[in-house]
Amino acid sequence: MTIKIILLKDVPKLGSKFEIKNVNSGYARNLLFPRHLALPATENSLKKLDGLKRKEKQNDTILNRQFDELNQETLRTILKFEEKASKEGKLFGSVDEEKIRKALSKKSAALNPEVKIELPKPLKRIGDYEINLVFHNKKIPLKLSILALKEGKNR
């Protein structure tokens, strides 16, 4: 038995956000609804769909503006991390997405979760790096500098 649903997020191999699809009722009930990926396409939810689309567009406009402001800030900023490291320059820990996100939120407003940090793997060596922040296929270059923590200095 199939039911009609409205997708609330992009679902691979099924469809894009706000598309109306017919799916197996078990798939919808056991996977899509509990994960908040879809709603049943009832009369009420179909009426609310236009409102959801408008609200999404407003949010995207606000996020694009914030992203552009962030772009202006990052052009002038180099994020510096002081980490414990060996004499060869290998970090005892690493600089990962979470550390970068925290450092950015200290510099400016908290980074929106929809902004992705393009970091293939955590950084584990002292040096200068350039990574990208990505939002809706827009990229902002971000410069990072990882330095060795000086002896006797606490973070």
Foldseek 3Di string as FASTA:
>chain_A
DKFKKAFCAADPPFGHHRDIDIDDPCCCVVPCVVVVGIDGPDPVVVVCSVVVVVVVVVVVVVLVVVVVVVLVVQVPDEAEAAAADDPVFFGPDFADPVNVQVSSCVVDPRDDPQWDWADPDTHGGFAKDWTWTDHPNDTHIHIYGYHYHDPPDDD
